[in-house]
């Protein structure tokens, strides 16, 4: 008579919890792919390196659908073209299938590559709540040889912000005068509300002294600087994950729910523009991200 093993309730609960964590992990990866926080190449690399990772357990069908501009029709054509079964998981692909999928990813989503040469004018931009100001402040405190430009803004100071240190807080009339007198290297209206701009004088003076200048600005401003100073080095700051970006925005508590939702919509658009930049730096740790930005000037960054 065959024996039937009775699975203890604690084992069933543990298995159920592991399955739930797997689903959450895969859902997080899909959000990161959709918002371009990570790349298909990086997820595929994780799946190959660690057969027990969340990436390895993701079905190829879900992986493809999470990529930008890939719908069910395109997904099915890609699978047929690459000779990959729709039931396959990333961690279960054969050598030829991996090579085929990797080649397709590189062709459809070319890997980011930096422009040759570097400038003493560094521009740091990225989506809302990614920590641009925190990284810039760390650079100011730890690397005094780098001149951190102070932006002018029409918004009111947040708690702890000091005029002339964190921003020049000005009214709309003063900001208009700065524009008309060509005193701003770049300026933009951010989140459809307040205006920000980079005073030109201190930047020009620091560059004339041979110093490296760091501008911590938004995407619109970065585009203006690239147009005005094509040699400028543009650095895009990425969050470790989309979920982390959301938590940072909620955690700082400076916006209401409506404003947070609007900023997250803007963040999705900003993340889609990362390939316009020369370098990508992930802000998982402030000190590490700051060091990577600084090393761009010395030529030792990756």
Protein backbone atom coordinates (compact mmCIF):
# COMPACT_ATOMS: atom_id res chain seq x y z
CA UNK A 1 0.00 0.00 0.00
CA UNK A 2 1.46 3.35 -1.07
CA UNK A 3 2.32 5.78 1.65
CA UNK A 4 0.99 9.31 1.42
CA UNK A 5 3.24 11.91 2.91
CA UNK A 6 1.36 14.46 4.94
CA UNK A 7 2.78 17.91 4.37
CA UNK A 8 2.85 19.85 7.63
CA UNK A 9 0.85 23.08 7.67
CA UNK A 10 4.01 25.08 8.41
CA UNK A 11 5.63 23.70 5.21
CA UNK A 12 2.61 24.64 3.13
CA UNK A 13 2.63 28.14 4.57
CA UNK A 14 6.35 28.53 3.88
CA UNK A 15 5.92 27.33 0.29
CA UNK A 16 3.00 29.69 -0.19
CA UNK A 17 5.05 32.59 1.19
CA UNK A 18 7.99 31.78 -1.13
CA UNK A 19 5.63 31.65 -4.13
CA UNK A 20 4.16 35.03 -3.14
CA UNK A 21 7.63 36.56 -2.82
CA UNK A 22 8.54 35.18 -6.26
CA UNK A 23 5.46 36.76 -7.82
CA UNK A 24 6.22 40.08 -6.16
CA UNK A 25 9.82 39.90 -7.32
CA UNK A 26 8.82 39.22 -10.92
CA UNK A 27 6.21 41.99 -10.79
CA UNK A 28 8.89 44.41 -9.59
CA UNK A 29 11.19 43.42 -12.46
CA UNK A 30 8.39 43.95 -14.96
CA UNK A 31 7.74 47.45 -13.58
CA UNK A 32 11.45 48.23 -13.84
CA UNK A 33 11.48 47.08 -17.47
CA UNK A 34 8.35 49.03 -18.36
CA UNK A 35 9.64 52.24 -16.78
CA UNK A 36 13.17 51.70 -18.20
CA UNK A 37 14.76 51.67 -14.76
CA UNK A 38 16.51 48.52 -15.94
CA UNK A 39 17.21 46.96 -19.33
CA UNK A 40 16.26 43.67 -20.90
CA UNK A 41 19.95 42.87 -21.21
CA UNK A 42 20.47 43.33 -17.46
CA UNK A 43 17.49 41.12 -16.55
CA UNK A 44 18.70 38.42 -18.93
CA UNK A 45 22.19 38.64 -17.40
CA UNK A 46 20.72 38.16 -13.91
CA UNK A 47 18.73 35.14 -15.10
CA UNK A 48 21.82 33.49 -16.56
CA UNK A 49 24.09 34.26 -13.59
CA UNK A 50 21.64 33.11 -10.91
CA UNK A 51 19.26 30.26 -11.83
CA UNK A 52 17.44 30.83 -8.53
CA UNK A 53 16.80 34.53 -9.09
CA UNK A 54 13.39 36.09 -9.73
CA UNK A 55 14.59 36.98 -13.22
CA UNK A 56 15.36 33.32 -13.98
CA UNK A 57 11.82 32.24 -13.06
CA UNK A 58 10.16 34.83 -15.30
CA UNK A 59 8.38 33.48 -18.36
CA UNK A 60 9.79 34.76 -21.64
CA UNK A 61 6.27 35.86 -22.63
CA UNK A 62 5.98 38.14 -19.57
CA UNK A 63 9.53 39.40 -20.09
CA UNK A 64 8.84 40.48 -23.67
CA UNK A 65 5.52 42.13 -22.82
CA UNK A 66 7.24 44.24 -20.14
CA UNK A 67 9.61 45.73 -22.71
CA UNK A 68 8.67 49.14 -24.18
CA UNK A 69 6.37 49.03 -27.23
CA UNK A 70 6.00 45.23 -27.29
CA UNK A 71 2.40 43.97 -27.47
CA UNK A 72 1.03 40.46 -27.73
CA UNK A 73 1.24 40.40 -31.53
CA UNK A 74 4.88 41.47 -31.61
CA UNK A 75 5.66 39.13 -28.73
CA UNK A 76 4.35 36.10 -30.59
CA UNK A 77 6.23 37.03 -33.77
CA UNK A 78 9.46 37.45 -31.79
CA UNK A 79 9.07 34.06 -30.11
CA UNK A 80 8.48 32.41 -33.48
CA UNK A 81 11.41 34.21 -35.06
CA UNK A 82 13.76 33.22 -32.22
CA UNK A 83 12.41 29.65 -32.00
CA UNK A 84 11.51 30.00 -28.31
CA UNK A 85 8.53 28.20 -26.80
CA UNK A 86 6.03 30.49 -24.99
CA UNK A 87 6.19 28.24 -21.91
CA UNK A 88 9.93 28.79 -21.47
CA UNK A 89 11.35 30.76 -18.55
CA UNK A 90 14.44 32.94 -18.88
CA UNK A 91 16.46 30.61 -16.70
CA UNK A 92 15.52 27.62 -18.83
CA UNK A 93 16.65 28.89 -22.22
CA UNK A 94 19.24 26.91 -24.14
CA UNK A 95 22.54 28.34 -25.34
CA UNK A 96 21.26 29.09 -28.84
CA UNK A 97 18.04 30.59 -27.54
CA UNK A 98 19.98 32.83 -25.14
CA UNK A 99 22.24 34.00 -27.94
CA UNK A 100 19.25 34.68 -30.19
CA UNK A 101 17.35 36.61 -27.51
CA UNK A 102 20.46 38.57 -26.50
CA UNK A 103 21.16 39.52 -30.12
CA UNK A 104 17.55 40.60 -30.63
CA UNK A 105 17.68 42.78 -27.49
CA UNK A 106 20.89 44.51 -28.60
CA UNK A 107 19.39 45.20 -32.02
CA UNK A 108 16.03 46.43 -30.72
CA UNK A 109 17.38 48.26 -27.64
CA UNK A 110 21.03 49.17 -28.36
CA UNK A 111 23.16 49.22 -25.18
CA UNK A 112 23.95 52.66 -23.82
CA UNK A 113 27.38 53.99 -24.80
CA UNK A 114 29.09 57.17 -23.66
CA UNK A 115 30.42 59.80 -26.02
CA UNK A 116 34.21 60.01 -26.28
CA UNK A 117 35.87 62.79 -24.34
CA UNK A 118 34.83 64.55 -21.14
CA UNK A 119 34.09 68.13 -20.18
CA UNK A 120 34.68 70.09 -16.99
CA UNK A 121 30.99 71.01 -17.17
CA UNK A 122 29.05 68.11 -15.63
CA UNK A 123 25.26 68.02 -15.76
CA UNK A 124 23.40 65.78 -13.29
CA UNK A 125 19.74 65.10 -14.07
CA UNK A 126 17.17 62.38 -13.44
CA UNK A 127 13.56 61.76 -12.48
CA UNK A 128 11.83 63.29 -9.48
CA UNK A 129 12.79 61.88 -6.05
CA UNK A 130 15.80 59.99 -7.45
CA UNK A 131 18.05 61.88 -5.06
CA UNK A 132 19.79 64.40 -7.33
CA UNK A 133 19.96 67.02 -4.59
CA UNK A 134 21.25 64.55 -2.01
CA UNK A 135 24.00 63.27 -4.32
CA UNK A 136 24.94 66.84 -5.30
CA UNK A 137 25.08 67.87 -1.62
CA UNK A 138 27.38 64.91 -0.85
CA UNK A 139 29.68 65.99 -3.68
CA UNK A 140 29.71 69.56 -2.35
CA UNK A 141 30.70 68.36 1.13
CA UNK A 142 33.17 65.64 0.12
CA UNK A 143 34.76 67.11 -3.02
CA UNK A 144 35.27 70.87 -2.54
CA UNK A 145 37.38 71.00 -5.70
CA UNK A 146 34.14 70.70 -7.67
CA UNK A 147 32.02 73.82 -7.94
CA UNK A 148 28.34 72.97 -7.39
CA UNK A 149 26.18 75.48 -9.20
CA UNK A 150 23.32 76.95 -7.15
CA UNK A 151 20.08 77.24 -9.12
CA UNK A 152 17.54 80.04 -8.90
CA UNK A 153 13.92 79.03 -8.33
CA UNK A 154 10.53 80.65 -7.87
CA UNK A 155 9.33 78.03 -5.37
CA UNK A 156 9.42 78.57 -1.60
CA UNK A 157 12.17 76.99 0.51
CA UNK A 158 11.54 73.53 1.95
CA UNK A 159 12.35 72.92 5.62
CA UNK A 160 16.11 73.17 6.16
CA UNK A 161 16.89 74.84 2.80
CA UNK A 162 19.04 77.96 2.93
CA UNK A 163 18.93 80.78 0.38
CA UNK A 164 22.19 80.97 -1.57
CA UNK A 165 23.27 77.49 -0.44
CA UNK A 166 20.60 75.14 -1.73
CA UNK A 167 18.89 77.60 -4.12
CA UNK A 168 18.51 81.29 -4.82
CA UNK A 169 14.86 81.81 -3.93
CA UNK A 170 13.49 84.60 -6.11
CA UNK A 171 10.09 85.94 -7.14
CA UNK A 172 8.69 85.77 -10.67
CA UNK A 173 9.62 89.37 -11.45
CA UNK A 174 13.27 88.76 -10.57
CA UNK A 175 13.30 85.52 -12.56
CA UNK A 176 11.87 87.33 -15.60
CA UNK A 177 14.60 89.98 -15.32
CA UNK A 178 17.31 87.30 -15.16
CA UNK A 179 15.96 85.79 -18.39
CA UNK A 180 15.76 89.12 -20.21
CA UNK A 181 19.29 90.06 -19.12
CA UNK A 182 20.64 86.66 -20.36
CA UNK A 183 21.84 85.80 -16.87
CA UNK A 184 20.67 82.17 -17.04
CA UNK A 185 22.52 79.36 -18.78
CA UNK A 186 19.26 77.39 -18.82
CA UNK A 187 15.79 77.71 -17.33
CA UNK A 188 12.60 75.69 -17.32
CA UNK A 189 9.20 75.32 -15.69
CA UNK A 190 9.24 72.08 -13.71
CA UNK A 191 6.13 70.00 -12.94
CA UNK A 192 4.04 72.72 -14.62
CA UNK A 193 4.42 74.88 -11.55
CA UNK A 194 7.70 76.51 -10.55
CA UNK A 195 10.59 77.86 -12.58
CA UNK A 196 14.22 76.90 -12.13
CA UNK A 197 17.34 78.28 -13.78
CA UNK A 198 21.15 78.20 -13.62
CA UNK A 199 22.85 81.61 -13.15
CA UNK A 200 25.47 81.92 -15.87
CA UNK A 201 28.01 84.14 -14.05
CA UNK A 202 29.24 81.75 -11.32
CA UNK A 203 29.49 78.88 -13.84
CA UNK A 204 31.59 80.90 -16.28
CA UNK A 205 33.82 82.17 -13.46
CA UNK A 206 34.49 78.68 -12.06
CA UNK A 207 35.26 77.25 -15.52
CA UNK A 208 37.63 80.17 -16.18
CA UNK A 209 39.49 79.21 -12.99
CA UNK A 210 39.96 75.70 -14.35
CA UNK A 211 37.51 74.09 -11.94
CA UNK A 212 34.96 71.38 -12.69
CA UNK A 213 31.39 72.63 -12.44
CA UNK A 214 28.43 70.42 -11.56
CA UNK A 215 24.90 71.44 -12.51
CA UNK A 216 22.09 69.58 -10.74
CA UNK A 217 19.09 70.30 -12.95
CA UNK A 218 16.03 68.76 -14.59
CA UNK A 219 15.68 67.11 -17.99
CA UNK A 220 14.56 70.27 -19.78
CA UNK A 221 17.53 72.18 -18.43
CA UNK A 222 19.96 69.40 -19.38
CA UNK A 223 18.71 69.58 -22.97
CA UNK A 224 19.22 73.34 -23.02
CA UNK A 225 22.76 73.01 -21.68
CA UNK A 226 23.57 70.39 -24.33
CA UNK A 227 22.29 72.80 -27.01
CA UNK A 228 24.23 75.75 -25.59
CA UNK A 229 27.38 73.79 -24.61
CA UNK A 230 27.59 70.64 -26.78
CA UNK A 231 30.79 69.53 -25.04
CA UNK A 232 29.07 69.28 -21.62
CA UNK A 233 29.02 65.82 -20.04
CA UNK A 234 25.47 64.73 -19.20
CA UNK A 235 24.91 62.24 -16.35
CA UNK A 236 21.53 60.60 -15.73
CA UNK A 237 20.79 59.42 -12.18
CA UNK A 238 18.67 56.26 -11.98
CA UNK A 239 16.84 54.74 -9.01
CA UNK A 240 17.70 51.12 -8.11
CA UNK A 241 14.07 50.16 -8.86
CA UNK A 242 10.81 51.86 -9.75
CA UNK A 243 9.33 50.78 -6.39
CA UNK A 244 12.22 52.47 -4.59
CA UNK A 245 11.58 55.70 -6.51
CA UNK A 246 7.92 55.64 -5.45
CA UNK A 247 8.87 55.02 -1.82
CA UNK A 248 11.38 57.89 -1.84
CA UNK A 249 8.75 60.27 -3.20
CA UNK A 250 6.20 59.18 -0.59
CA UNK A 251 8.78 59.14 2.18
CA UNK A 252 9.91 62.73 1.81
CA UNK A 253 6.33 63.90 2.46
CA UNK A 254 6.60 67.23 0.64
CA UNK A 255 3.78 66.61 -1.87
CA UNK A 256 0.13 65.60 -1.54
CA UNK A 257 -1.29 62.49 -3.28
CA UNK A 258 -2.32 64.40 -6.43
CA UNK A 259 1.08 66.02 -6.77
CA UNK A 260 2.87 62.69 -6.22
CA UNK A 261 0.80 61.03 -8.95
CA UNK A 262 1.63 63.87 -11.36
CA UNK A 263 5.33 63.67 -10.55
CA UNK A 264 5.38 59.91 -11.10
CA UNK A 265 3.78 60.37 -14.53
CA UNK A 266 6.52 62.88 -15.31
CA UNK A 267 9.17 60.47 -13.98
CA UNK A 268 8.10 57.82 -16.49
CA UNK A 269 8.66 60.29 -19.33
CA UNK A 270 12.00 61.40 -17.89
CA UNK A 271 13.25 57.81 -17.56
CA UNK A 272 12.47 57.25 -21.24
CA UNK A 273 14.97 60.02 -22.11
CA UNK A 274 17.99 58.45 -20.39
CA UNK A 275 19.66 57.49 -23.68
CA UNK A 276 20.14 61.20 -24.42
CA UNK A 277 22.77 61.23 -21.66
CA UNK A 278 26.43 60.28 -21.79
CA UNK A 279 26.55 58.28 -18.56
CA UNK A 280 24.07 56.44 -16.36
CA UNK A 281 24.63 56.22 -12.58
CA UNK A 282 22.38 54.20 -10.26
CA UNK A 283 21.69 55.88 -6.92
CA UNK A 284 21.42 52.82 -4.67
CA UNK A 285 23.88 54.39 -2.22
CA UNK A 286 24.47 58.15 -2.07
CA UNK A 287 28.22 58.01 -1.38
CA UNK A 288 28.81 55.47 -4.14
CA UNK A 289 26.72 57.40 -6.67
CA UNK A 290 28.51 60.64 -5.76
CA UNK A 291 31.91 58.98 -6.19
CA UNK A 292 30.93 57.64 -9.61
CA UNK A 293 29.84 61.10 -10.75
CA UNK A 294 33.08 62.67 -9.50
CA UNK A 295 35.18 59.96 -11.17
CA UNK A 296 33.71 60.89 -14.53
CA UNK A 297 35.92 63.95 -14.44
CA UNK A 298 39.05 61.89 -13.75
CA UNK A 299 38.29 59.32 -16.43
CA UNK A 300 38.22 56.40 -13.99
CA UNK A 301 34.46 55.76 -14.07
CA UNK A 302 33.02 52.73 -15.78
